[in-house]
Amino acid sequence: MEEGGDFGAPPQALFDAMDVLIAEQTAKGQFLDGGGLFGTEDAVNFVVRQGEVTRFDGPYAEAKEVVGGWALMQFDTLEEAIEGQKAFADLHAEHWPEISMVATLRQVADEPPAAAED
């Protein structure tokens, strides 16, 4: 989602539609947790480069897109997950058509990756 655009707050119709979708997904055991995120004005990033850590406080003028929210979902198949993400995007297109956003679907690792050998 673009931050700082002229879109204002999401319309109530989108919140209402999301409540219905989340209730349906929760009843199916698909929606595990989720929420919205505040803007970057209060964000704090720690960047690691070449063994050095640097702190950067928001807002970030160079940021074109930011993560506006998240959801932890569980589906039986990748196809079901894709359908669920499409339903989420469809609600935004229908109830907030003036917004530009990207709805990203990513899998959660069941265990940490193996460490690289020295």
PDB file of N, CA and C in Angstrom:
ATOM      1  N   MET A   1       0.844  -1.169   0.000  1.00  0.00           N
ATOM      2  CA  MET A   1       0.000   0.000   0.000  1.00  0.00           C
ATOM      3  C   MET A   1       0.885   1.226   0.000  1.00  0.00           C
ATOM      4  N   GLU A   2       0.508   2.228  -0.742  1.00  0.00           N
ATOM      5  CA  GLU A   2       1.258   3.470  -0.748  1.00  0.00           C
ATOM      6  C   GLU A   2       0.945   4.254   0.514  1.00  0.00           C
ATOM      7  N   GLU A   3       2.002   4.761   1.147  1.00  0.00           N
ATOM      8  CA  GLU A   3       1.811   5.548   2.349  1.00  0.00           C
ATOM      9  C   GLU A   3       1.788   7.013   1.983  1.00  0.00           C
ATOM     10  N   GLY A   4       0.957   7.770   2.672  1.00  0.00           N
ATOM     11  CA  GLY A   4       0.917   9.203   2.457  1.00  0.00           C
ATOM     12  C   GLY A   4       0.162   9.615   1.208  1.00  0.00           C
ATOM     13  N   GLY A   5      -0.562   8.699   0.597  1.00  0.00           N
ATOM     14  CA  GLY A   5      -1.347   9.044  -0.583  1.00  0.00           C
ATOM     15  C   GLY A   5      -2.558   9.867  -0.194  1.00  0.00           C
ATOM     16  N   ASP A   6      -3.307  10.276  -1.166  1.00  0.00           N
ATOM     17  CA  ASP A   6      -4.499  11.090  -0.927  1.00  0.00           C
ATOM     18  C   ASP A   6      -5.740  10.224  -0.759  1.00  0.00           C
ATOM     19  N   PHE A   7      -5.565   8.998  -0.273  1.00  0.00           N
ATOM     20  CA  PHE A   7      -6.670   8.064  -0.197  1.00  0.00           C
ATOM     21  C   PHE A   7      -7.433   8.171   1.114  1.00  0.00           C
ATOM     22  N   GLY A   8      -6.805   8.732   2.149  1.00  0.00           N
ATOM     23  CA  GLY A   8      -7.470   8.836   3.441  1.00  0.00           C
ATOM     24  C   GLY A   8      -7.621   7.481   4.093  1.00  0.00           C
ATOM     25  N   ALA A   9      -8.477   7.420   5.089  1.00  0.00           N
ATOM     26  CA  ALA A   9      -8.725   6.170   5.807  1.00  0.00           C
ATOM     27  C   ALA A   9      -9.570   5.238   4.947  1.00  0.00           C
ATOM     28  N   PRO A  10      -9.419   3.931   5.163  1.00  0.00           N
ATOM     29  CA  PRO A  10     -10.261   2.989   4.417  1.00  0.00           C
ATOM     30  C   PRO A  10     -11.740   3.244   4.708  1.00  0.00           C
ATOM     31  N   PRO A  11     -12.605   3.021   3.734  1.00  0.00           N
ATOM     32  CA  PRO A  11     -14.040   3.231   3.951  1.00  0.00           C
ATOM     33  C   PRO A  11     -14.622   2.168   4.894  1.00  0.00           C
ATOM     34  N   GLN A  12     -15.683   2.539   5.581  1.00  0.00           N
ATOM     35  CA  GLN A  12     -16.345   1.622   6.511  1.00  0.00           C
ATOM     36  C   GLN A  12     -16.821   0.351   5.805  1.00  0.00           C
ATOM     37  N   ALA A  13     -17.230   0.475   4.546  1.00  0.00           N
ATOM     38  CA  ALA A  13     -17.694  -0.697   3.795  1.00  0.00           C
ATOM     39  C   ALA A  13     -16.589  -1.745   3.682  1.00  0.00           C
ATOM     40  N   LEU A  14     -15.332  -1.305   3.559  1.00  0.00           N
ATOM     41  CA  LEU A  14     -14.222  -2.261   3.502  1.00  0.00           C
ATOM     42  C   LEU A  14     -14.048  -2.937   4.851  1.00  0.00           C
ATOM     43  N   PHE A  15     -14.102  -2.173   5.938  1.00  0.00           N
ATOM     44  CA  PHE A  15     -14.003  -2.777   7.270  1.00  0.00           C
ATOM     45  C   PHE A  15     -15.112  -3.810   7.487  1.00  0.00           C
ATOM     46  N   ASP A  16     -16.320  -3.473   7.084  1.00  0.00           N
ATOM     47  CA  ASP A  16     -17.452  -4.385   7.246  1.00  0.00           C
ATOM     48  C   ASP A  16     -17.243  -5.666   6.429  1.00  0.00           C
ATOM     49  N   ALA A  17     -16.790  -5.511   5.182  1.00  0.00           N
ATOM     50  CA  ALA A  17     -16.556  -6.668   4.324  1.00  0.00           C
ATOM     51  C   ALA A  17     -15.411  -7.525   4.871  1.00  0.00           C
ATOM     52  N   MET A  18     -14.378  -6.886   5.388  1.00  0.00           N
ATOM     53  CA  MET A  18     -13.256  -7.625   5.981  1.00  0.00           C
ATOM     54  C   MET A  18     -13.713  -8.397   7.216  1.00  0.00           C
ATOM     55  N   ASP A  19     -14.581  -7.799   8.021  1.00  0.00           N
ATOM     56  CA  ASP A  19     -15.114  -8.506   9.197  1.00  0.00           C
ATOM     57  C   ASP A  19     -15.815  -9.799   8.782  1.00  0.00           C
ATOM     58  N   VAL A  20     -16.580  -9.738   7.697  1.00  0.00           N
ATOM     59  CA  VAL A  20     -17.293 -10.925   7.208  1.00  0.00           C
ATOM     60  C   VAL A  20     -16.292 -11.964   6.711  1.00  0.00           C
ATOM     61  N   LEU A  21     -15.324 -11.533   5.903  1.00  0.00           N
ATOM     62  CA  LEU A  21     -14.328 -12.460   5.372  1.00  0.00           C
ATOM     63  C   LEU A  21     -13.528 -13.112   6.501  1.00  0.00           C
ATOM     64  N   ILE A  22     -13.085 -12.323   7.459  1.00  0.00           N
ATOM     65  CA  ILE A  22     -12.297 -12.863   8.572  1.00  0.00           C
ATOM     66  C   ILE A  22     -13.132 -13.832   9.407  1.00  0.00           C
ATOM     67  N   ALA A  23     -14.397 -13.528   9.621  1.00  0.00           N
ATOM     68  CA  ALA A  23     -15.276 -14.438  10.371  1.00  0.00           C
ATOM     69  C   ALA A  23     -15.417 -15.765   9.630  1.00  0.00           C
ATOM     70  N   GLU A  24     -15.597 -15.705   8.313  1.00  0.00           N
ATOM     71  CA  GLU A  24     -15.715 -16.930   7.515  1.00  0.00           C
ATOM     72  C   GLU A  24     -14.422 -17.739   7.587  1.00  0.00           C
ATOM     73  N   GLN A  25     -13.282 -17.070   7.432  1.00  0.00           N
ATOM     74  CA  GLN A  25     -11.993 -17.763   7.459  1.00  0.00           C
ATOM     75  C   GLN A  25     -11.683 -18.309   8.852  1.00  0.00           C
ATOM     76  N   THR A  26     -12.076 -17.606   9.885  1.00  0.00           N
ATOM     77  CA  THR A  26     -11.869 -18.081  11.254  1.00  0.00           C
ATOM     78  C   THR A  26     -12.699 -19.336  11.506  1.00  0.00           C
ATOM     79  N   ALA A  27     -13.945 -19.338  11.047  1.00  0.00           N
ATOM     80  CA  ALA A  27     -14.818 -20.493  11.226  1.00  0.00           C
ATOM     81  C   ALA A  27     -14.257 -21.730  10.526  1.00  0.00           C
ATOM     82  N   LYS A  28     -13.542 -21.535   9.420  1.00  0.00           N
ATOM     83  CA  LYS A  28     -12.931 -22.648   8.692  1.00  0.00           C
ATOM     84  C   LYS A  28     -11.569 -23.040   9.271  1.00  0.00           C
ATOM     85  N   GLY A  29     -11.093 -22.298  10.287  1.00  0.00           N
ATOM     86  CA  GLY A  29      -9.773 -22.568  10.857  1.00  0.00           C
ATOM     87  C   GLY A  29      -8.638 -22.026  10.016  1.00  0.00           C
ATOM     88  N   GLN A  30      -8.929 -21.099   9.106  1.00  0.00           N
ATOM     89  CA  GLN A  30      -7.905 -20.566   8.211  1.00  0.00           C
ATOM     90  C   GLN A  30      -7.252 -19.303   8.762  1.00  0.00           C
ATOM     91  N   PHE A  31      -8.027 -18.419   9.359  1.00  0.00           N
ATOM     92  CA  PHE A  31      -7.481 -17.165   9.898  1.00  0.00           C
ATOM     93  C   PHE A  31      -6.994 -17.426  11.314  1.00  0.00           C
ATOM     94  N   LEU A  32      -5.688 -17.281  11.524  1.00  0.00           N
ATOM     95  CA  LEU A  32      -5.104 -17.527  12.831  1.00  0.00           C
ATOM     96  C   LEU A  32      -4.866 -16.243  13.617  1.00  0.00           C
ATOM     97  N   ASP A  33      -4.422 -15.188  12.948  1.00  0.00           N
ATOM     98  CA  ASP A  33      -4.129 -13.923  13.624  1.00  0.00           C
ATOM     99  C   ASP A  33      -3.867 -12.868  12.561  1.00  0.00           C
ATOM    100  N   GLY A  34      -3.989 -11.620  12.913  1.00  0.00           N
ATOM    101  CA  GLY A  34      -3.699 -10.554  11.968  1.00  0.00           C
ATOM    102  C   GLY A  34      -3.976  -9.205  12.576  1.00  0.00           C
ATOM    103  N   GLY A  35      -3.606  -8.161  11.848  1.00  0.00           N
ATOM    104  CA  GLY A  35      -3.850  -6.816  12.326  1.00  0.00           C
ATOM    105  C   GLY A  35      -3.291  -5.783  11.382  1.00  0.00           C
ATOM    106  N   GLY A  36      -3.645  -4.552  11.637  1.00  0.00           N
ATOM    107  CA  GLY A  36      -3.127  -3.434  10.860  1.00  0.00           C
ATOM    108  C   GLY A  36      -1.872  -2.891  11.511  1.00  0.00           C
ATOM    109  N   LEU A  37      -1.088  -2.161  10.744  1.00  0.00           N
ATOM    110  CA  LEU A  37       0.136  -1.557  11.244  1.00  0.00           C
ATOM    111  C   LEU A  37       0.049  -0.044  11.132  1.00  0.00           C
ATOM    112  N   PHE A  38       0.645   0.643  12.081  1.00  0.00           N
ATOM    113  CA  PHE A  38       0.731   2.097  12.000  1.00  0.00           C
ATOM    114  C   PHE A  38       1.668   2.486  10.869  1.00  0.00           C
ATOM    115  N   GLY A  39       1.650   3.738  10.478  1.00  0.00           N
ATOM    116  CA  GLY A  39       2.521   4.242   9.414  1.00  0.00           C
ATOM    117  C   GLY A  39       3.977   4.279   9.834  1.00  0.00           C
ATOM    118  N   THR A  40       4.821   4.685   8.922  1.00  0.00           N
ATOM    119  CA  THR A  40       6.263   4.686   9.176  1.00  0.00           C
ATOM    120  C   THR A  40       6.740   5.869  10.004  1.00  0.00           C
ATOM    121  N   GLU A  41       5.859   6.796  10.346  1.00  0.00           N
ATOM    122  CA  GLU A  41       6.311   7.979  11.087  1.00  0.00           C
ATOM    123  C   GLU A  41       6.944   7.623  12.431  1.00  0.00           C
ATOM    124  N   ASP A  42       6.557   6.509  13.041  1.00  0.00           N
ATOM    125  CA  ASP A  42       7.129   6.087  14.316  1.00  0.00           C
ATOM    126  C   ASP A  42       7.963   4.816  14.197  1.00  0.00           C
ATOM    127  N   ALA A  43       8.227   4.396  12.985  1.00  0.00           N
ATOM    128  CA  ALA A  43       8.955   3.146  12.774  1.00  0.00           C
ATOM    129  C   ALA A  43      10.432   3.309  13.128  1.00  0.00           C
ATOM    130  N   VAL A  44      11.026   2.217  13.557  1.00  0.00           N
ATOM    131  CA  VAL A  44      12.458   2.163  13.842  1.00  0.00           C
ATOM    132  C   VAL A  44      13.018   0.953  13.105  1.00  0.00           C
ATOM    133  N   ASN A  45      14.013   1.191  12.278  1.00  0.00           N
ATOM    134  CA  ASN A  45      14.676   0.115  11.540  1.00  0.00           C
ATOM    135  C   ASN A  45      16.110  -0.005  12.005  1.00  0.00           C
ATOM    136  N   PHE A  46      16.591  -1.216  12.082  1.00  0.00           N
ATOM    137  CA  PHE A  46      18.003  -1.486  12.299  1.00  0.00           C
ATOM    138  C   PHE A  46      18.517  -2.157  11.041  1.00  0.00           C
ATOM    139  N   VAL A  47      19.472  -1.531  10.397  1.00  0.00           N
ATOM    140  CA  VAL A  47      20.035  -2.041   9.154  1.00  0.00           C
ATOM    141  C   VAL A  47      21.408  -2.615   9.451  1.00  0.00           C
ATOM    142  N   VAL A  48      21.641  -3.851   8.990  1.00  0.00           N
ATOM    143  CA  VAL A  48      22.936  -4.500   9.150  1.00  0.00           C
ATOM    144  C   VAL A  48      23.622  -4.513   7.793  1.00  0.00           C
ATOM    145  N   ARG A  49      24.814  -3.898   7.725  1.00  0.00           N
ATOM    146  CA  ARG A  49      25.612  -3.885   6.498  1.00  0.00           C
ATOM    147  C   ARG A  49      27.069  -4.101   6.867  1.00  0.00           C
ATOM    148  N   GLN A  50      27.636  -5.117   6.310  1.00  0.00           N
ATOM    149  CA  GLN A  50      29.053  -5.423   6.492  1.00  0.00           C
ATOM    150  C   GLN A  50      29.442  -5.448   7.970  1.00  0.00           C
ATOM    151  N   GLY A  51      28.616  -6.093   8.781  1.00  0.00           N
ATOM    152  CA  GLY A  51      28.924  -6.261  10.197  1.00  0.00           C
ATOM    153  C   GLY A  51      28.637  -5.064  11.076  1.00  0.00           C
ATOM    154  N   GLU A  52      28.096  -4.008  10.524  1.00  0.00           N
ATOM    155  CA  GLU A  52      27.763  -2.803  11.289  1.00  0.00           C
ATOM    156  C   GLU A  52      26.251  -2.645  11.373  1.00  0.00           C
ATOM    157  N   VAL A  53      25.758  -2.200  12.527  1.00  0.00           N
ATOM    158  CA  VAL A  53      24.331  -1.978  12.743  1.00  0.00           C
ATOM    159  C   VAL A  53      24.081  -0.479  12.832  1.00  0.00           C
ATOM    160  N   THR A  54      23.120  -0.003  12.058  1.00  0.00           N
ATOM    161  CA  THR A  54      22.734   1.404  12.063  1.00  0.00           C
ATOM    162  C   THR A  54      21.241   1.500  12.313  1.00  0.00           C
ATOM    163  N   ARG A  55      20.854   2.442  13.155  1.00  0.00           N
ATOM    164  CA  ARG A  55      19.440   2.673  13.451  1.00  0.00           C
ATOM    165  C   ARG A  55      18.929   3.821  12.591  1.00  0.00           C
ATOM    166  N   PHE A  56      17.747   3.603  11.985  1.00  0.00           N
ATOM    167  CA  PHE A  56      17.068   4.641  11.224  1.00  0.00           C
ATOM    168  C   PHE A  56      15.652   4.776  11.760  1.00  0.00           C
ATOM    169  N   ASP A  57      15.273   5.984  12.128  1.00  0.00           N
ATOM    170  CA  ASP A  57      13.921   6.249  12.606  1.00  0.00           C
ATOM    171  C   ASP A  57      13.089   6.824  11.461  1.00  0.00           C
ATOM    172  N   GLY A  58      11.776   6.495  11.466  1.00  0.00           N
ATOM    173  CA  GLY A  58      10.876   6.974  10.424  1.00  0.00           C
ATOM    174  C   GLY A  58      10.556   8.441  10.619  1.00  0.00           C
ATOM    175  N   PRO A  59       9.833   9.077   9.749  1.00  0.00           N
ATOM    176  CA  PRO A  59       9.268   8.493   8.530  1.00  0.00           C
ATOM    177  C   PRO A  59      10.337   8.344   7.446  1.00  0.00           C
ATOM    178  N   TYR A  60       9.991   7.584   6.439  1.00  0.00           N
ATOM    179  CA  TYR A  60      10.926   7.280   5.373  1.00  0.00           C
ATOM    180  C   TYR A  60      10.429   7.898   4.083  1.00  0.00           C
ATOM    181  N   ALA A  61      10.994   9.036   3.739  1.00  0.00           N
ATOM    182  CA  ALA A  61      10.540   9.766   2.553  1.00  0.00           C
ATOM    183  C   ALA A  61      10.751   8.966   1.282  1.00  0.00           C
ATOM    184  N   GLU A  62      11.775   8.108   1.260  1.00  0.00           N
ATOM    185  CA  GLU A  62      12.061   7.354   0.044  1.00  0.00           C
ATOM    186  C   GLU A  62      11.173   6.128  -0.126  1.00  0.00           C
ATOM    187  N   ALA A  63      10.424   5.774   0.894  1.00  0.00           N
ATOM    188  CA  ALA A  63       9.580   4.573   0.815  1.00  0.00           C
ATOM    189  C   ALA A  63       8.369   4.853  -0.080  1.00  0.00           C
ATOM    190  N   LYS A  64       8.202   4.021  -1.108  1.00  0.00           N
ATOM    191  CA  LYS A  64       7.045   4.153  -1.985  1.00  0.00           C
ATOM    192  C   LYS A  64       5.917   3.255  -1.529  1.00  0.00           C
ATOM    193  N   GLU A  65       6.256   2.113  -0.959  1.00  0.00           N
ATOM    194  CA  GLU A  65       5.245   1.175  -0.481  1.00  0.00           C
ATOM    195  C   GLU A  65       5.623   0.707   0.913  1.00  0.00           C
ATOM    196  N   VAL A  66       4.631   0.502   1.734  1.00  0.00           N
ATOM    197  CA  VAL A  66       4.857   0.015   3.092  1.00  0.00           C
ATOM    198  C   VAL A  66       3.872  -1.109   3.379  1.00  0.00           C
ATOM    199  N   VAL A  67       4.213  -1.921   4.357  1.00  0.00           N
ATOM    200  CA  VAL A  67       3.306  -2.972   4.795  1.00  0.00           C
ATOM    201  C   VAL A  67       2.253  -2.323   5.685  1.00  0.00           C
ATOM    202  N   GLY A  68       0.991  -2.452   5.313  1.00  0.00           N
ATOM    203  CA  GLY A  68      -0.092  -1.818   6.052  1.00  0.00           C
ATOM    204  C   GLY A  68      -0.773  -2.745   7.044  1.00  0.00           C
ATOM    205  N   GLY A  69      -0.536  -4.028   6.924  1.00  0.00           N
ATOM    206  CA  GLY A  69      -1.149  -4.993   7.822  1.00  0.00           C
ATOM    207  C   GLY A  69      -0.627  -6.375   7.512  1.00  0.00           C
ATOM    208  N   TRP A  70      -1.065  -7.324   8.307  1.00  0.00           N
ATOM    209  CA  TRP A  70      -0.595  -8.699   8.144  1.00  0.00           C
ATOM    210  C   TRP A  70      -1.664  -9.659   8.626  1.00  0.00           C
ATOM    211  N   ALA A  71      -1.576 -10.873   8.144  1.00  0.00           N
ATOM    212  CA  ALA A  71      -2.474 -11.930   8.602  1.00  0.00           C
ATOM    213  C   ALA A  71      -1.716 -13.249   8.539  1.00  0.00           C
ATOM    214  N   LEU A  72      -1.886 -14.039   9.569  1.00  0.00           N
ATOM    215  CA  LEU A  72      -1.324 -15.381   9.612  1.00  0.00           C
ATOM    216  C   LEU A  72      -2.472 -16.339   9.325  1.00  0.00           C
ATOM    217  N   MET A  73      -2.345 -17.047   8.203  1.00  0.00           N
ATOM    218  CA  MET A  73      -3.417 -17.910   7.728  1.00  0.00           C
ATOM    219  C   MET A  73      -2.895 -19.335   7.607  1.00  0.00           C
ATOM    220  N   GLN A  74      -3.822 -20.284   7.631  1.00  0.00           N
ATOM    221  CA  GLN A  74      -3.450 -21.679   7.423  1.00  0.00           C
ATOM    222  C   GLN A  74      -4.424 -22.306   6.443  1.00  0.00           C
ATOM    223  N   PHE A  75      -3.897 -22.816   5.348  1.00  0.00           N
ATOM    224  CA  PHE A  75      -4.705 -23.452   4.323  1.00  0.00           C
ATOM    225  C   PHE A  75      -4.175 -24.856   4.072  1.00  0.00           C
ATOM    226  N   ASP A  76      -5.020 -25.721   3.571  1.00  0.00           N
ATOM    227  CA  ASP A  76      -4.615 -27.095   3.274  1.00  0.00           C
ATOM    228  C   ASP A  76      -3.785 -27.192   1.999  1.00  0.00           C
ATOM    229  N   THR A  77      -4.034 -26.282   1.050  1.00  0.00           N
ATOM    230  CA  THR A  77      -3.309 -26.340  -0.220  1.00  0.00           C
ATOM    231  C   THR A  77      -2.886 -24.935  -0.629  1.00  0.00           C
ATOM    232  N   LEU A  78      -1.896 -24.881  -1.495  1.00  0.00           N
ATOM    233  CA  LEU A  78      -1.466 -23.597  -2.038  1.00  0.00           C
ATOM    234  C   LEU A  78      -2.590 -22.948  -2.829  1.00  0.00           C
ATOM    235  N   GLU A  79      -3.363 -23.740  -3.539  1.00  0.00           N
ATOM    236  CA  GLU A  79      -4.471 -23.198  -4.326  1.00  0.00           C
ATOM    237  C   GLU A  79      -5.500 -22.499  -3.433  1.00  0.00           C
ATOM    238  N   GLU A  80      -5.804 -23.105  -2.272  1.00  0.00           N
ATOM    239  CA  GLU A  80      -6.733 -22.474  -1.333  1.00  0.00           C
ATOM    240  C   GLU A  80      -6.149 -21.174  -0.790  1.00  0.00           C
ATOM    241  N   ALA A  81      -4.858 -21.156  -0.526  1.00  0.00           N
ATOM    242  CA  ALA A  81      -4.208 -19.937  -0.036  1.00  0.00           C
ATOM    243  C   ALA A  81      -4.292 -18.825  -1.080  1.00  0.00           C
ATOM    244  N   ILE A  82      -4.064 -19.177  -2.329  1.00  0.00           N
ATOM    245  CA  ILE A  82      -4.148 -18.194  -3.410  1.00  0.00           C
ATOM    246  C   ILE A  82      -5.572 -17.666  -3.534  1.00  0.00           C
ATOM    247  N   GLU A  83      -6.557 -18.541  -3.440  1.00  0.00           N
ATOM    248  CA  GLU A  83      -7.964 -18.106  -3.487  1.00  0.00           C
ATOM    249  C   GLU A  83      -8.272 -17.159  -2.321  1.00  0.00           C
ATOM    250  N   GLY A  84      -7.766 -17.474  -1.129  1.00  0.00           N
ATOM    251  CA  GLY A  84      -7.994 -16.614   0.029  1.00  0.00           C
ATOM    252  C   GLY A  84      -7.373 -15.246  -0.146  1.00  0.00           C
ATOM    253  N   GLN A  85      -6.166 -15.198  -0.692  1.00  0.00           N
ATOM    254  CA  GLN A  85      -5.498 -13.909  -0.919  1.00  0.00           C
ATOM    255  C   GLN A  85      -6.212 -13.108  -1.991  1.00  0.00           C
ATOM    256  N   LYS A  86      -6.709 -13.793  -3.006  1.00  0.00           N
ATOM    257  CA  LYS A  86      -7.476 -13.114  -4.067  1.00  0.00           C
ATOM    258  C   LYS A  86      -8.757 -12.520  -3.496  1.00  0.00           C
ATOM    259  N   ALA A  87      -9.423 -13.238  -2.593  1.00  0.00           N
ATOM    260  CA  ALA A  87     -10.647 -12.715  -1.968  1.00  0.00           C
ATOM    261  C   ALA A  87     -10.338 -11.437  -1.194  1.00  0.00           C
ATOM    262  N   PHE A  88      -9.204 -11.410  -0.499  1.00  0.00           N
ATOM    263  CA  PHE A  88      -8.774 -10.222   0.238  1.00  0.00           C
ATOM    264  C   PHE A  88      -8.554  -9.048  -0.726  1.00  0.00           C
ATOM    265  N   ALA A  89      -7.832  -9.297  -1.814  1.00  0.00           N
ATOM    266  CA  ALA A  89      -7.576  -8.244  -2.795  1.00  0.00           C
ATOM    267  C   ALA A  89      -8.874  -7.773  -3.458  1.00  0.00           C
ATOM    268  N   ASP A  90      -9.777  -8.727  -3.758  1.00  0.00           N
ATOM    269  CA  ASP A  90     -11.058  -8.376  -4.377  1.00  0.00           C
ATOM    270  C   ASP A  90     -11.868  -7.418  -3.499  1.00  0.00           C
ATOM    271  N   LEU A  91     -11.849  -7.639  -2.180  1.00  0.00           N
ATOM    272  CA  LEU A  91     -12.587  -6.743  -1.280  1.00  0.00           C
ATOM    273  C   LEU A  91     -12.054  -5.325  -1.366  1.00  0.00           C
ATOM    274  N   HIS A  92     -10.744  -5.182  -1.456  1.00  0.00           N
ATOM    275  CA  HIS A  92     -10.161  -3.842  -1.576  1.00  0.00           C
ATOM    276  C   HIS A  92     -10.532  -3.199  -2.908  1.00  0.00           C
ATOM    277  N   ALA A  93     -10.485  -3.980  -3.992  1.00  0.00           N
ATOM    278  CA  ALA A  93     -10.860  -3.445  -5.306  1.00  0.00           C
ATOM    279  C   ALA A  93     -12.314  -2.995  -5.327  1.00  0.00           C
ATOM    280  N   GLU A  94     -13.179  -3.746  -4.669  1.00  0.00           N
ATOM    281  CA  GLU A  94     -14.608  -3.431  -4.663  1.00  0.00           C
ATOM    282  C   GLU A  94     -14.947  -2.256  -3.747  1.00  0.00           C
ATOM    283  N   HIS A  95     -14.392  -2.258  -2.535  1.00  0.00           N
ATOM    284  CA  HIS A  95     -14.806  -1.283  -1.526  1.00  0.00           C
ATOM    285  C   HIS A  95     -13.879  -0.080  -1.379  1.00  0.00           C
ATOM    286  N   TRP A  96     -12.692  -0.129  -1.993  1.00  0.00           N
ATOM    287  CA  TRP A  96     -11.755   1.005  -1.920  1.00  0.00           C
ATOM    288  C   TRP A  96     -11.000   1.097  -3.241  1.00  0.00           C
ATOM    289  N   PRO A  97     -11.724   1.284  -4.351  1.00  0.00           N
ATOM    290  CA  PRO A  97     -11.122   1.204  -5.683  1.00  0.00           C
ATOM    291  C   PRO A  97     -10.046   2.249  -5.956  1.00  0.00           C
ATOM    292  N   GLU A  98     -10.024   3.334  -5.231  1.00  0.00           N
ATOM    293  CA  GLU A  98      -9.027   4.372  -5.494  1.00  0.00           C
ATOM    294  C   GLU A  98      -7.649   4.055  -4.902  1.00  0.00           C
ATOM    295  N   ILE A  99      -7.568   3.006  -4.079  1.00  0.00           N
ATOM    296  CA  ILE A  99      -6.299   2.655  -3.448  1.00  0.00           C
ATOM    297  C   ILE A  99      -5.424   1.857  -4.415  1.00  0.00           C
ATOM    298  N   SER A 100      -4.130   2.056  -4.317  1.00  0.00           N
ATOM    299  CA  SER A 100      -3.149   1.223  -5.019  1.00  0.00           C
ATOM    300  C   SER A 100      -2.469   0.379  -3.965  1.00  0.00           C
ATOM    301  N   MET A 101      -2.503  -0.929  -4.119  1.00  0.00           N
ATOM    302  CA  MET A 101      -1.909  -1.803  -3.110  1.00  0.00           C
ATOM    303  C   MET A 101      -1.442  -3.101  -3.736  1.00  0.00           C
ATOM    304  N   VAL A 102      -0.596  -3.785  -2.996  1.00  0.00           N
ATOM    305  CA  VAL A 102      -0.136  -5.113  -3.371  1.00  0.00           C
ATOM    306  C   VAL A 102      -0.470  -6.030  -2.204  1.00  0.00           C
ATOM    307  N   ALA A 103      -1.163  -7.116  -2.468  1.00  0.00           N
ATOM    308  CA  ALA A 103      -1.465  -8.118  -1.445  1.00  0.00           C
ATOM    309  C   ALA A 103      -0.526  -9.296  -1.692  1.00  0.00           C
ATOM    310  N   THR A 104       0.431  -9.481  -0.807  1.00  0.00           N
ATOM    311  CA  THR A 104       1.469 -10.485  -0.991  1.00  0.00           C
ATOM    312  C   THR A 104       1.164 -11.731  -0.177  1.00  0.00           C
ATOM    313  N   LEU A 105       1.312 -12.875  -0.801  1.00  0.00           N
ATOM    314  CA  LEU A 105       1.130 -14.161  -0.143  1.00  0.00           C
ATOM    315  C   LEU A 105       2.501 -14.799   0.016  1.00  0.00           C
ATOM    316  N   ARG A 106       2.872 -15.126   1.257  1.00  0.00           N
ATOM    317  CA  ARG A 106       4.151 -15.793   1.525  1.00  0.00           C
ATOM    318  C   ARG A 106       3.917 -16.947   2.474  1.00  0.00           C
ATOM    319  N   GLN A 107       4.705 -17.982   2.300  1.00  0.00           N
ATOM    320  CA  GLN A 107       4.598 -19.129   3.183  1.00  0.00           C
ATOM    321  C   GLN A 107       5.452 -18.910   4.426  1.00  0.00           C
ATOM    322  N   VAL A 108       5.030 -19.529   5.523  1.00  0.00           N
ATOM    323  CA  VAL A 108       5.770 -19.475   6.781  1.00  0.00           C
ATOM    324  C   VAL A 108       6.592 -20.752   6.896  1.00  0.00           C
ATOM    325  N   ALA A 109       7.866 -20.604   7.250  1.00  0.00           N
ATOM    326  CA  ALA A 109       8.730 -21.769   7.407  1.00  0.00           C
ATOM    327  C   ALA A 109       8.350 -22.513   8.681  1.00  0.00           C
ATOM    328  N   ASP A 110       8.281 -23.828   8.584  1.00  0.00           N
ATOM    329  CA  ASP A 110       7.961 -24.650   9.748  1.00  0.00           C
ATOM    330  C   ASP A 110       9.129 -24.759  10.710  1.00  0.00           C
ATOM    331  N   GLU A 111      10.338 -24.596  10.201  1.00  0.00           N
ATOM    332  CA  GLU A 111      11.530 -24.672  11.035  1.00  0.00           C
ATOM    333  C   GLU A 111      12.579 -23.745  10.439  1.00  0.00           C
ATOM    334  N   PRO A 112      13.537 -23.328  11.251  1.00  0.00           N
ATOM    335  CA  PRO A 112      14.564 -22.422  10.699  1.00  0.00           C
ATOM    336  C   PRO A 112      15.423 -23.137   9.658  1.00  0.00           C
ATOM    337  N   PRO A 113      15.986 -22.368   8.745  1.00  0.00           N
ATOM    338  CA  PRO A 113      16.845 -22.989   7.740  1.00  0.00           C
ATOM    339  C   PRO A 113      18.127 -23.521   8.391  1.00  0.00           C
ATOM    340  N   ALA A 114      18.760 -24.443   7.744  1.00  0.00           N
ATOM    341  CA  ALA A 114      20.019 -24.966   8.241  1.00  0.00           C
ATOM    342  C   ALA A 114      21.091 -23.879   8.201  1.00  0.00           C
ATOM    343  N   ALA A 115      21.927 -23.859   9.203  1.00  0.00           N
ATOM    344  CA  ALA A 115      23.003 -22.875   9.255  1.00  0.00           C
ATOM    345  C   ALA A 115      24.055 -23.176   8.205  1.00  0.00           C
ATOM    346  N   ALA A 116      24.638 -22.113   7.669  1.00  0.00           N
ATOM    347  CA  ALA A 116      25.730 -22.289   6.720  1.00  0.00           C
ATOM    348  C   ALA A 116      26.950 -22.804   7.450  1.00  0.00           C
ATOM    349  N   GLU A 117      27.646 -23.688   6.789  1.00  0.00           N
ATOM    350  CA  GLU A 117      28.862 -24.229   7.404  1.00  0.00           C
ATOM    351  C   GLU A 117      29.991 -23.238   7.233  1.00  0.00           C
ATOM    352  N   ASP A 118      30.807 -23.109   8.284  1.00  0.00           N
ATOM    353  CA  ASP A 118      31.950 -22.174   8.234  1.00  0.00           C
ATOM    354  C   ASP A 118      33.103 -22.726   7.423  1.00  0.00           C
TER     355      ASP A 118
END
